[in-house]
Amino acid sequence: MADITFSSPLLPKNKTVYGIAGDTHTLLAVARDNHIPVPFLCEDGDCGSCLIKVTVLEGKQPMGGTLSEKEKFTLAAHGKLSKEAKELAETADIPPQYRLACQYVVRDEAILVEFSGEPGVEIDPARRKHERASLTDIETTGAEDREYAAHEHA
């Protein structure tokens, strides 16, 4: 059994639900089943709107969760997957802290899931909600991403 505690400015207080470890439902499906308003658009890992921050609460090593190539690309494009974190996920089965709710499959562990309530917006309270990543923060970008970032900072 997995204890999943959701935390967001959209919730009046943190809400803990139980997920079945080994179930193939994503964290987004668990949230929807429990009426927790995790934002989402595509449900396929392409857009990054369901960005979440996952923290293991038991003081244990996080359980390895395979990242699809699509999730790796989307997280990197949003500046949420460094080269080091990607390497740890691929070689040591240590998942990154930021994930996509539509791709994350619940494991048998107690976790805190934080989300801002705004599609694709970082949860970290140390940063302003509408802060955009600078070109130097974007590790993996295509020409369209560079053009967007350049336009935003012009």
Protein backbone atom coordinates (compact mmCIF):
# COMPACT_ATOMS: atom_id res chain seq x y z
CA MET A 1 0.00 0.00 0.00
CA ALA A 2 1.32 3.44 -0.90
CA ASP A 3 0.53 6.52 1.16
CA ILE A 4 0.33 9.51 -1.15
CA THR A 5 0.03 12.97 0.39
CA PHE A 6 -0.91 15.74 -2.02
CA SER A 7 0.00 19.34 -1.24
CA SER A 8 -1.02 22.37 -3.29
CA PRO A 9 -2.27 25.93 -2.89
CA LEU A 10 -5.48 24.60 -4.48
CA LEU A 11 -6.17 22.31 -1.52
CA PRO A 12 -7.46 23.68 1.81
CA LYS A 13 -5.05 21.26 3.54
CA ASN A 14 -2.80 18.37 2.56
CA LYS A 15 -4.73 15.28 1.52
CA THR A 16 -3.44 11.73 1.96
CA VAL A 17 -4.84 8.92 -0.16
CA TYR A 18 -3.84 5.30 -0.57
CA GLY A 19 -2.58 3.83 -3.78
CA ILE A 20 -2.15 0.18 -4.55
CA ALA A 21 1.53 -0.58 -5.06
CA GLY A 22 2.11 -2.42 -8.31
CA ASP A 23 -1.06 -1.03 -9.82
CA THR A 24 -0.39 0.32 -13.28
CA HIS A 25 -2.41 3.48 -12.75
CA THR A 26 -0.49 6.70 -12.93
CA LEU A 27 -0.36 9.25 -10.15
CA LEU A 28 -2.60 11.46 -12.29
CA ALA A 29 -5.24 8.69 -12.37
CA VAL A 30 -5.00 8.28 -8.58
CA ALA A 31 -5.40 12.06 -8.15
CA ARG A 32 -8.41 12.17 -10.47
CA ASP A 33 -10.05 9.19 -8.70
CA ASN A 34 -9.69 11.11 -5.43
CA HIS A 35 -10.84 14.48 -6.81
CA ILE A 36 -7.43 16.12 -6.43
CA PRO A 37 -7.04 18.88 -9.05
CA VAL A 38 -3.61 18.10 -10.51
CA PRO A 39 -3.54 20.11 -13.75
CA PHE A 40 -3.14 18.22 -17.00
CA LEU A 41 -3.67 18.73 -20.70
CA CYS A 42 -2.36 15.92 -22.91
CA GLU A 43 -2.11 13.00 -20.41
CA ASP A 44 0.68 11.59 -22.58
CA GLY A 45 3.88 13.22 -21.28
CA ASP A 46 4.23 15.69 -24.14
CA CYS A 47 3.22 19.01 -22.58
CA GLY A 48 4.59 19.04 -19.01
CA SER A 49 1.38 20.53 -17.61
CA CYS A 50 1.18 17.89 -14.86
CA LEU A 51 4.61 18.71 -13.40
CA ILE A 52 4.91 17.48 -9.82
CA LYS A 53 7.60 17.37 -7.15
CA VAL A 54 7.87 13.99 -5.39
CA THR A 55 9.51 13.57 -1.99
CA VAL A 56 9.83 10.20 -0.25
CA LEU A 57 8.62 10.60 3.34
CA GLU A 58 10.05 7.49 4.97
CA GLY A 59 13.67 8.62 4.85
CA LYS A 60 14.42 5.80 2.44
CA GLN A 61 16.06 5.79 -0.95
CA PRO A 62 13.36 6.55 -3.57
CA MET A 63 12.27 3.49 -5.49
CA GLY A 64 13.37 3.40 -9.08
CA GLY A 65 10.69 4.39 -11.50
CA THR A 66 11.45 4.09 -15.15
CA LEU A 67 11.32 7.36 -17.05
CA SER A 68 10.11 7.08 -20.61
CA GLU A 69 12.11 8.87 -23.28
CA LYS A 70 9.16 11.24 -23.65
CA GLU A 71 9.19 12.10 -19.93
CA LYS A 72 12.97 12.63 -19.99
CA PHE A 73 12.66 14.99 -22.93
CA THR A 74 9.73 16.94 -21.47
CA LEU A 75 11.36 17.33 -18.04
CA ALA A 76 14.66 18.40 -19.62
CA ALA A 77 12.87 20.90 -21.88
CA HIS A 78 11.25 22.41 -18.78
CA GLY A 79 14.62 22.61 -17.02
CA LYS A 80 13.65 19.91 -14.48
CA LEU A 81 16.04 17.11 -15.45
CA SER A 82 19.75 17.78 -15.26
CA LYS A 83 22.31 15.57 -16.95
CA GLU A 84 23.31 14.24 -13.53
CA ALA A 85 19.72 13.40 -12.53
CA LYS A 86 19.13 11.71 -15.89
CA GLU A 87 22.27 9.62 -15.46
CA LEU A 88 21.28 8.59 -11.91
CA ALA A 89 17.84 7.56 -13.14
CA GLU A 90 19.29 5.51 -15.99
CA THR A 91 22.24 3.87 -14.24
CA ALA A 92 21.38 3.71 -10.52
CA ASP A 93 17.54 3.61 -10.60
CA ILE A 94 17.35 6.80 -8.56
CA PRO A 95 14.36 8.75 -9.87
CA PRO A 96 14.51 12.55 -10.19
CA GLN A 97 12.52 14.71 -7.79
CA TYR A 98 10.45 16.32 -10.54
CA ARG A 99 8.17 14.04 -12.52
CA LEU A 100 5.07 14.15 -14.68
CA ALA A 101 1.93 12.89 -12.91
CA CYS A 102 0.69 11.31 -16.12
CA GLN A 103 3.83 9.13 -16.33
CA TYR A 104 4.55 8.37 -12.65
CA VAL A 105 3.44 4.91 -11.50
CA VAL A 106 2.87 4.60 -7.76
CA ARG A 107 5.32 2.40 -5.81
CA ASP A 108 5.04 0.90 -2.32
CA GLU A 109 6.30 3.96 -0.46
CA ALA A 110 5.00 7.01 1.38
CA ILE A 111 5.42 10.12 -0.76
CA LEU A 112 4.59 13.80 -0.72
CA VAL A 113 3.38 15.09 -4.08
CA GLU A 114 3.49 18.87 -4.48
CA PHE A 115 1.98 20.78 -7.38
CA SER A 116 1.29 24.46 -7.97
CA GLY A 117 -2.13 24.14 -9.55
CA GLU A 118 -0.95 25.96 -12.66
CA PRO A 119 -0.11 23.74 -15.64
CA GLY A 120 3.63 23.21 -15.91
CA VAL A 121 4.54 25.73 -13.21
CA GLU A 122 7.22 24.80 -10.69
CA ILE A 123 6.18 24.06 -7.15
CA ASP A 124 9.31 25.38 -5.42
CA PRO A 125 8.16 28.30 -3.21
CA ALA A 126 11.61 29.90 -3.44
CA ARG A 127 10.87 30.94 -7.01
CA ARG A 128 8.18 33.27 -8.22
CA LYS A 129 5.20 31.64 -9.95
CA HIS A 130 5.65 33.36 -13.28
CA GLU A 131 9.43 33.25 -13.45
CA ARG A 132 10.70 31.96 -16.77
CA ALA A 133 13.86 29.92 -17.23
CA SER A 134 16.72 31.80 -18.81
CA LEU A 135 18.54 30.39 -21.80
CA THR A 136 21.34 29.15 -19.54
CA ASP A 137 18.83 27.17 -17.43
CA ILE A 138 17.49 25.25 -20.40
CA GLU A 139 19.65 22.19 -20.91
CA THR A 140 17.88 20.52 -23.81
CA THR A 141 16.10 22.76 -26.24
CA GLY A 142 15.04 22.66 -29.82
CA ALA A 143 15.07 25.66 -32.14
CA GLU A 144 11.48 26.51 -31.15
CA ASP A 145 12.39 26.51 -27.43
CA ARG A 146 15.40 28.78 -28.00
CA GLU A 147 13.27 31.14 -30.08
CA TYR A 148 10.58 31.23 -27.35
CA ALA A 149 13.13 31.86 -24.59
CA ALA A 150 14.88 34.58 -26.61
CA HIS A 151 11.54 36.28 -27.30
CA GLU A 152 10.54 36.12 -23.60
CA HIS A 153 13.80 37.76 -22.52
CA ALA A 154 14.02 40.35 -25.32
